[in-house]
């Protein structure tokens, strides 16, 4: 037997800035022009965001003399699929996009996920920029480079790791969001506090009423801290081989709930339910005190988030769905469970009988 070894040591700097402030939407084109990321730009958005922001956003690119095209798809989690990805790729090819092009994700988590995945695979990978338009996307999906589409059997089952070149968080957008979208993002912000920062948890609990009213100073501080927590975790474990798994707290059961309701409830609501149920799993395993479980449930209820499973969802269905989760190893579901507020442990297998007991 003959052997030829291919020696590849990847040394790449995937660092990027998260910019947080007011009026950033209008500054994106000039910033990208200075950075010289590419020669052609594709703004990918959905039909909801198109009505609110896309026209002015595109106009600013044209005013900066940037070769830019607007691509849109129908809004909704149900559109985060292979068909939409193929459609966007066909559009890029039809408009003669090449490797010196840049994708700009203008929208919430669905837009960011699918636009990022298109960028990750088009011409074997081109740069992309995140411009999140929901609180949830601002503090979670726009950071960390996890991009994906859903499969009929589960959420985000087909995807990649592809870090953005920059993230622009425009605080002015928060003024246009309905209350439900604020609640949606708050669930993830609370999750960040539970997994990594007890003091931040206390800050959220103390200031929840003002945060819910979208107080600008408090929201800026809240978003910045949430972004810092996720950034530090991603820095330590970019490809989710270890520590980054703590970010999955609430998501194993949460993703199952989303799928079982055919995405009729929002991601934030599902994660909120998932956090409560997974905290209860931790209590059954004697990992966390009942007092901390009660605190997690109470702060979510104070934020107006759901904490109870929708009627009709059975424990057997949830267990079946969790077995299709990306976090399954050796046929067993691995949970990230809280030990106390501010500390979470990942990679914990939970017997089905305990999951059934908590769901029931």
Protein backbone atom coordinates (compact mmCIF):
# COMPACT_ATOMS: atom_id res chain seq x y z
CA UNK A 1 0.00 0.00 0.00
CA UNK A 2 1.27 3.44 -0.94
CA UNK A 3 0.35 6.51 1.05
CA UNK A 4 0.37 10.21 0.19
CA UNK A 5 -0.45 12.56 3.06
CA UNK A 6 -2.21 15.88 2.47
CA UNK A 7 -1.04 18.27 5.16
CA UNK A 8 -3.62 20.96 5.87
CA UNK A 9 -3.49 23.20 8.90
CA UNK A 10 -6.19 25.79 8.68
CA UNK A 11 -5.22 29.13 10.12
CA UNK A 12 -7.94 31.68 9.49
CA UNK A 13 -9.05 34.79 11.33
CA UNK A 14 -12.86 34.75 11.28
CA UNK A 15 -13.17 37.68 13.70
CA UNK A 16 -15.83 40.31 13.06
CA UNK A 17 -17.50 43.28 14.70
CA UNK A 18 -21.03 43.54 16.02
CA UNK A 19 -22.08 47.17 15.68
CA UNK A 20 -24.92 48.33 17.95
CA UNK A 21 -26.51 51.77 17.68
CA UNK A 22 -29.23 53.96 16.20
CA UNK A 23 -29.47 54.80 12.51
CA UNK A 24 -27.16 52.00 11.36
CA UNK A 25 -29.36 50.81 8.48
CA UNK A 26 -28.49 53.89 6.42
CA UNK A 27 -24.78 53.47 7.17
CA UNK A 28 -24.40 49.87 6.00
CA UNK A 29 -23.65 50.65 2.31
CA UNK A 30 -20.93 53.22 3.00
CA UNK A 31 -19.34 50.93 5.60
CA UNK A 32 -19.26 48.00 3.17
CA UNK A 33 -17.91 50.23 0.42
CA UNK A 34 -14.96 51.19 2.64
CA UNK A 35 -14.31 47.59 3.65
CA UNK A 36 -14.15 46.42 0.00
CA UNK A 37 -15.70 43.03 0.77
CA UNK A 38 -16.81 42.52 -2.81
CA UNK A 39 -17.89 44.06 -6.09
CA UNK A 40 -21.52 42.95 -6.19
CA UNK A 41 -24.19 42.73 -3.47
CA UNK A 42 -27.30 40.59 -3.04
CA UNK A 43 -29.74 41.80 -0.40
CA UNK A 44 -31.77 38.75 0.66
CA UNK A 45 -34.96 39.41 2.60
CA UNK A 46 -38.52 38.15 3.01
CA UNK A 47 -41.81 39.70 1.90
CA UNK A 48 -42.58 41.12 5.36
CA UNK A 49 -39.25 42.90 5.81
CA UNK A 50 -39.30 44.02 2.17
CA UNK A 51 -42.37 46.17 2.88
CA UNK A 52 -40.79 47.81 5.93
CA UNK A 53 -37.14 48.43 5.14
CA UNK A 54 -35.94 47.03 1.81
CA UNK A 55 -36.81 49.94 -0.48
CA UNK A 56 -34.85 52.57 1.49
CA UNK A 57 -32.08 50.07 2.23
CA UNK A 58 -31.62 49.30 -1.48
CA UNK A 59 -31.78 53.00 -2.38
CA UNK A 60 -28.83 53.73 -0.11
CA UNK A 61 -26.77 51.07 -1.88
CA UNK A 62 -27.63 52.60 -5.25
CA UNK A 63 -26.72 56.08 -3.96
CA UNK A 64 -23.34 54.70 -2.95
CA UNK A 65 -22.91 53.37 -6.49
CA UNK A 66 -22.81 49.75 -5.42
CA UNK A 67 -23.97 47.07 -7.86
CA UNK A 68 -26.85 45.66 -5.82
CA UNK A 69 -29.82 43.34 -6.35
CA UNK A 70 -32.77 42.64 -4.07
CA UNK A 71 -33.92 39.01 -3.71
CA UNK A 72 -36.96 38.11 -1.64
CA UNK A 73 -38.94 35.04 -0.65
CA UNK A 74 -42.25 34.52 1.13
CA UNK A 75 -42.07 35.13 4.89
CA UNK A 76 -42.38 32.30 7.40
CA UNK A 77 -40.43 29.43 8.95
CA UNK A 78 -42.10 27.08 6.45
CA UNK A 79 -40.08 28.77 3.68
CA UNK A 80 -36.74 27.86 5.28
CA UNK A 81 -36.32 24.86 3.03
CA UNK A 82 -34.40 23.41 0.09
CA UNK A 83 -36.77 24.91 -2.45
CA UNK A 84 -36.19 28.47 -1.22
CA UNK A 85 -32.44 27.95 -1.09
CA UNK A 86 -32.45 26.60 -4.65
CA UNK A 87 -34.55 29.55 -5.83
CA UNK A 88 -32.12 32.08 -4.31
CA UNK A 89 -29.13 30.27 -5.81
CA UNK A 90 -30.77 30.27 -9.24
CA UNK A 91 -31.36 34.01 -8.91
CA UNK A 92 -27.70 34.62 -8.03
CA UNK A 93 -26.60 32.62 -11.06
CA UNK A 94 -29.07 34.40 -13.35
CA UNK A 95 -27.72 37.78 -12.16
CA UNK A 96 -24.14 36.63 -12.78
CA UNK A 97 -22.97 36.65 -9.18
CA UNK A 98 -19.47 35.25 -8.67
CA UNK A 99 -16.93 34.67 -5.89
CA UNK A 100 -16.30 38.40 -5.49
CA UNK A 101 -19.93 38.93 -4.46
CA UNK A 102 -21.46 39.56 -1.02
CA UNK A 103 -24.76 38.39 0.46
CA UNK A 104 -26.56 40.71 2.89
CA UNK A 105 -29.15 39.09 5.16
CA UNK A 106 -31.80 41.71 5.92
CA UNK A 107 -34.39 40.17 8.23
CA UNK A 108 -35.07 37.94 11.18
CA UNK A 109 -33.70 34.51 12.00
CA UNK A 110 -35.24 32.74 9.00
CA UNK A 111 -33.68 35.22 6.57
CA UNK A 112 -30.34 35.16 8.36
CA UNK A 113 -30.21 31.36 8.43
CA UNK A 114 -31.09 30.76 4.81
CA UNK A 115 -29.14 33.72 3.38
CA UNK A 116 -26.10 32.65 5.38
CA UNK A 117 -26.42 29.08 4.13
CA UNK A 118 -26.68 30.30 0.55
CA UNK A 119 -23.50 32.33 1.12
CA UNK A 120 -21.76 29.33 2.70
CA UNK A 121 -22.30 27.11 -0.34
CA UNK A 122 -22.53 29.45 -3.35
CA UNK A 123 -19.29 29.16 -5.32
CA UNK A 124 -17.96 27.17 -2.33
CA UNK A 125 -18.48 30.13 -0.02
CA UNK A 126 -18.77 33.90 -0.37
CA UNK A 127 -18.86 36.65 2.30
CA UNK A 128 -22.08 37.68 3.95
CA UNK A 129 -23.26 40.35 6.38
CA UNK A 130 -26.03 40.13 8.97
CA UNK A 131 -28.52 43.00 9.32
CA UNK A 132 -31.04 41.57 11.82
CA UNK A 133 -34.48 43.13 12.03
CA UNK A 134 -35.88 41.29 15.07
CA UNK A 135 -34.69 41.32 18.68
CA UNK A 136 -34.31 37.53 18.56
CA UNK A 137 -32.01 37.68 15.54
CA UNK A 138 -30.04 40.58 17.06
CA UNK A 139 -29.05 38.65 20.18
CA UNK A 140 -28.92 35.12 18.82
CA UNK A 141 -29.03 33.88 15.24
CA UNK A 142 -27.05 36.74 13.66
CA UNK A 143 -24.04 35.88 15.85
CA UNK A 144 -21.95 32.73 15.63
CA UNK A 145 -22.18 31.63 12.01
CA UNK A 146 -24.72 28.81 12.39
CA UNK A 147 -26.63 28.79 9.09
CA UNK A 148 -29.16 26.21 7.98
CA UNK A 149 -32.45 25.17 6.46
CA UNK A 150 -35.13 22.95 7.95
CA UNK A 151 -35.98 19.40 6.91
CA UNK A 152 -39.51 17.94 7.12
CA UNK A 153 -38.28 15.77 10.00
CA UNK A 154 -36.60 18.50 12.01
CA UNK A 155 -35.37 22.07 12.40
CA UNK A 156 -31.95 23.14 11.05
CA UNK A 157 -30.96 19.59 10.07
CA UNK A 158 -29.12 20.76 6.92
CA UNK A 159 -26.59 23.55 7.37
CA UNK A 160 -23.06 24.76 7.93
CA UNK A 161 -20.83 27.00 10.03
CA UNK A 162 -20.14 30.21 8.09
CA UNK A 163 -19.25 33.33 10.07
CA UNK A 164 -20.55 36.73 8.89
CA UNK A 165 -18.08 39.50 8.09
CA UNK A 166 -20.02 42.01 10.16
CA UNK A 167 -23.29 42.39 12.11
CA UNK A 168 -25.24 45.66 12.13
CA UNK A 169 -27.80 46.02 14.96
CA UNK A 170 -29.94 49.13 14.45
CA UNK A 171 -31.77 49.94 17.69
CA UNK A 172 -34.30 52.11 15.83
CA UNK A 173 -35.83 48.93 14.41
CA UNK A 174 -37.01 47.96 17.91
CA UNK A 175 -39.48 50.87 17.83
CA UNK A 176 -41.33 49.22 14.92
CA UNK A 177 -41.54 45.71 16.39
CA UNK A 178 -44.82 44.36 17.79
CA UNK A 179 -44.80 43.31 21.45
CA UNK A 180 -44.77 39.63 20.45
CA UNK A 181 -41.42 40.10 18.71
CA UNK A 182 -39.94 41.77 21.78
CA UNK A 183 -41.09 38.82 23.91
CA UNK A 184 -39.64 36.46 21.31
CA UNK A 185 -36.18 37.96 21.72
CA UNK A 186 -36.41 38.30 25.48
CA UNK A 187 -36.69 34.53 25.85
CA UNK A 188 -33.23 34.11 24.27
CA UNK A 189 -31.82 37.00 26.31
CA UNK A 190 -33.06 35.33 29.51
CA UNK A 191 -31.48 32.08 28.31
CA UNK A 192 -28.13 33.86 27.93
CA UNK A 193 -28.40 35.06 31.52
CA UNK A 194 -29.32 31.61 32.86
CA UNK A 195 -26.38 29.91 31.17
CA UNK A 196 -23.65 32.44 31.91
CA UNK A 197 -24.41 35.48 34.07
CA UNK A 198 -26.28 35.52 37.38
CA UNK A 199 -25.88 39.30 37.72
CA UNK A 200 -27.38 39.85 34.26
CA UNK A 201 -30.30 37.62 35.31
CA UNK A 202 -30.87 39.90 38.30
CA UNK A 203 -30.63 43.00 36.10
CA UNK A 204 -33.27 41.60 33.73
CA UNK A 205 -35.56 40.66 36.59
CA UNK A 206 -35.27 44.11 38.18
CA UNK A 207 -35.75 46.08 34.94
CA UNK A 208 -38.16 43.83 33.03
CA UNK A 209 -41.00 46.37 32.93
CA UNK A 210 -38.80 49.09 31.38
CA UNK A 211 -37.22 46.59 28.97
CA UNK A 212 -40.68 45.52 27.81
CA UNK A 213 -41.49 49.15 27.09
CA UNK A 214 -38.39 49.21 24.83
CA UNK A 215 -36.58 51.86 26.90
CA UNK A 216 -33.72 52.76 24.53
CA UNK A 217 -30.88 52.94 27.07
CA UNK A 218 -31.88 49.74 28.81
CA UNK A 219 -32.38 47.92 25.52
CA UNK A 220 -28.93 48.96 24.29
CA UNK A 221 -27.36 47.71 27.52
CA UNK A 222 -29.40 44.50 27.42
CA UNK A 223 -28.59 43.71 23.79
CA UNK A 224 -24.90 44.49 24.25
CA UNK A 225 -24.59 42.15 27.24
CA UNK A 226 -26.51 39.37 25.48
CA UNK A 227 -24.23 39.73 22.43
CA UNK A 228 -21.14 39.68 24.66
CA UNK A 229 -22.22 36.42 26.28
CA UNK A 230 -22.83 34.69 22.98
CA UNK A 231 -19.63 36.12 21.45
CA UNK A 232 -17.50 34.79 24.33
CA UNK A 233 -19.03 31.31 23.97
CA UNK A 234 -18.51 31.29 20.19
CA UNK A 235 -14.92 32.49 20.60
CA UNK A 236 -14.20 29.54 22.90
CA UNK A 237 -15.93 26.94 20.70
CA UNK A 238 -16.74 28.07 17.17
CA UNK A 239 -17.91 24.70 15.78
CA UNK A 240 -19.90 23.50 18.82
CA UNK A 241 -17.56 20.68 19.81
CA UNK A 242 -17.94 21.44 23.52
CA UNK A 243 -18.74 24.63 25.42
CA UNK A 244 -20.99 26.13 22.73
CA UNK A 245 -23.50 23.39 23.44
CA UNK A 246 -24.58 25.32 26.55
CA UNK A 247 -26.39 27.68 24.16
CA UNK A 248 -28.78 24.80 23.46
CA UNK A 249 -30.46 25.11 26.86
CA UNK A 250 -34.21 25.09 26.22
CA UNK A 251 -33.76 24.24 22.57
CA UNK A 252 -34.01 20.43 22.62
CA UNK A 253 -37.60 20.39 23.84
CA UNK A 254 -38.18 23.84 22.32
CA UNK A 255 -37.36 22.70 18.78
CA UNK A 256 -39.59 19.65 19.26
CA UNK A 257 -42.48 21.89 20.32
CA UNK A 258 -41.94 24.14 17.29
CA UNK A 259 -42.04 21.19 14.91
CA UNK A 260 -45.04 19.54 16.57
CA UNK A 261 -47.07 22.75 16.30
CA UNK A 262 -45.96 23.13 12.66
CA UNK A 263 -44.21 26.36 13.71
CA UNK A 264 -47.48 27.97 14.70
CA UNK A 265 -45.84 29.20 17.90
CA UNK A 266 -42.77 31.43 17.71
CA UNK A 267 -39.20 30.30 18.36
CA UNK A 268 -39.01 32.43 21.50
CA UNK A 269 -42.22 30.93 22.92
CA UNK A 270 -40.97 27.42 22.18
CA UNK A 271 -37.58 28.09 23.81
CA UNK A 272 -39.31 29.58 26.86
CA UNK A 273 -41.37 26.40 27.26
CA UNK A 274 -38.24 24.36 26.61
CA UNK A 275 -36.27 26.19 29.31
CA UNK A 276 -38.93 25.55 31.93
CA UNK A 277 -39.25 21.87 31.04
CA UNK A 278 -35.50 21.36 30.81
CA UNK A 279 -34.97 23.12 34.15
CA UNK A 280 -37.52 20.67 35.56
CA UNK A 281 -35.52 17.81 34.03
CA UNK A 282 -32.45 19.14 35.86
CA UNK A 283 -34.44 19.19 39.11
CA UNK A 284 -35.52 15.55 38.58
CA UNK A 285 -31.84 14.66 38.11
CA UNK A 286 -30.99 16.56 41.31
CA UNK A 287 -28.78 19.01 39.42
CA UNK A 288 -30.55 22.24 40.37
CA UNK A 289 -32.63 23.54 43.28
CA UNK A 290 -36.38 24.00 43.06
CA UNK A 291 -35.80 27.63 44.03
CA UNK A 292 -33.77 28.30 40.86
CA UNK A 293 -36.31 26.41 38.72
CA UNK A 294 -39.02 28.68 40.13
CA UNK A 295 -36.89 31.78 39.41
CA UNK A 296 -36.42 30.77 35.77
CA UNK A 297 -40.15 30.16 35.34
CA UNK A 298 -41.04 33.42 37.13
CA UNK A 299 -38.80 35.68 35.04
CA UNK A 300 -40.15 34.17 31.82
CA UNK A 301 -43.71 34.77 33.00
CA UNK A 302 -42.76 38.32 34.00
CA UNK A 303 -41.55 38.82 30.42
CA UNK A 304 -44.91 37.56 29.15
CA UNK A 305 -43.46 34.40 27.61
CA UNK A 306 -45.18 31.01 27.43
CA UNK A 307 -44.16 28.46 30.06
CA UNK A 308 -46.74 25.71 29.46
CA UNK A 309 -46.90 23.15 26.68
CA UNK A 310 -49.62 23.68 24.09
CA UNK A 311 -52.65 21.44 24.58
CA UNK A 312 -52.48 18.18 22.68
CA UNK A 313 -48.71 17.67 22.63
CA UNK A 314 -47.91 14.22 24.01
CA UNK A 315 -44.74 13.13 25.79
CA UNK A 316 -44.24 10.32 23.26
CA UNK A 317 -44.29 12.81 20.37
CA UNK A 318 -41.72 15.06 22.04
CA UNK A 319 -39.37 12.13 22.75
CA UNK A 320 -39.72 10.98 19.14
CA UNK A 321 -38.90 14.48 17.84
CA UNK A 322 -35.91 14.93 20.14
CA UNK A 323 -34.37 11.75 18.69
CA UNK A 324 -34.13 13.61 15.36
CA UNK A 325 -32.30 16.52 17.01
CA UNK A 326 -28.77 17.44 15.87
CA UNK A 327 -27.58 16.95 19.45
CA UNK A 328 -28.25 13.19 19.43
CA UNK A 329 -25.09 11.12 20.03
CA UNK A 330 -25.02 7.32 19.86
CA UNK A 331 -28.81 7.23 19.65
CA UNK A 332 -29.19 9.25 22.86
CA UNK A 333 -30.38 12.82 23.23
CA UNK A 334 -27.87 15.05 25.01
CA UNK A 335 -29.33 17.95 26.98
CA UNK A 336 -27.76 21.17 28.23
CA UNK A 337 -29.17 21.60 31.72
CA UNK A 338 -28.77 24.30 34.39
CA UNK A 339 -26.91 23.58 37.63
CA UNK A 340 -27.82 26.99 38.99
CA UNK A 341 -28.60 30.40 37.52
CA UNK A 342 -25.44 31.41 35.68
CA UNK A 343 -24.12 27.86 35.20
CA UNK A 344 -25.14 25.17 32.69
CA UNK A 345 -23.68 21.75 31.93
CA UNK A 346 -23.88 20.22 28.45
CA UNK A 347 -23.88 16.63 27.17
CA UNK A 348 -26.30 15.20 29.75
CA UNK A 349 -28.33 12.14 28.66
CA UNK A 350 -31.81 12.01 30.24
CA UNK A 351 -33.78 8.75 30.50
CA UNK A 352 -37.04 8.75 28.53
CA UNK A 353 -39.05 7.99 31.68
CA UNK A 354 -37.86 11.25 33.28
CA UNK A 355 -38.66 13.24 30.12
CA UNK A 356 -42.12 11.62 30.05
CA UNK A 357 -42.69 12.46 33.72
CA UNK A 358 -41.81 16.15 33.22
CA UNK A 359 -43.84 16.50 30.02
CA UNK A 360 -46.87 14.83 31.62
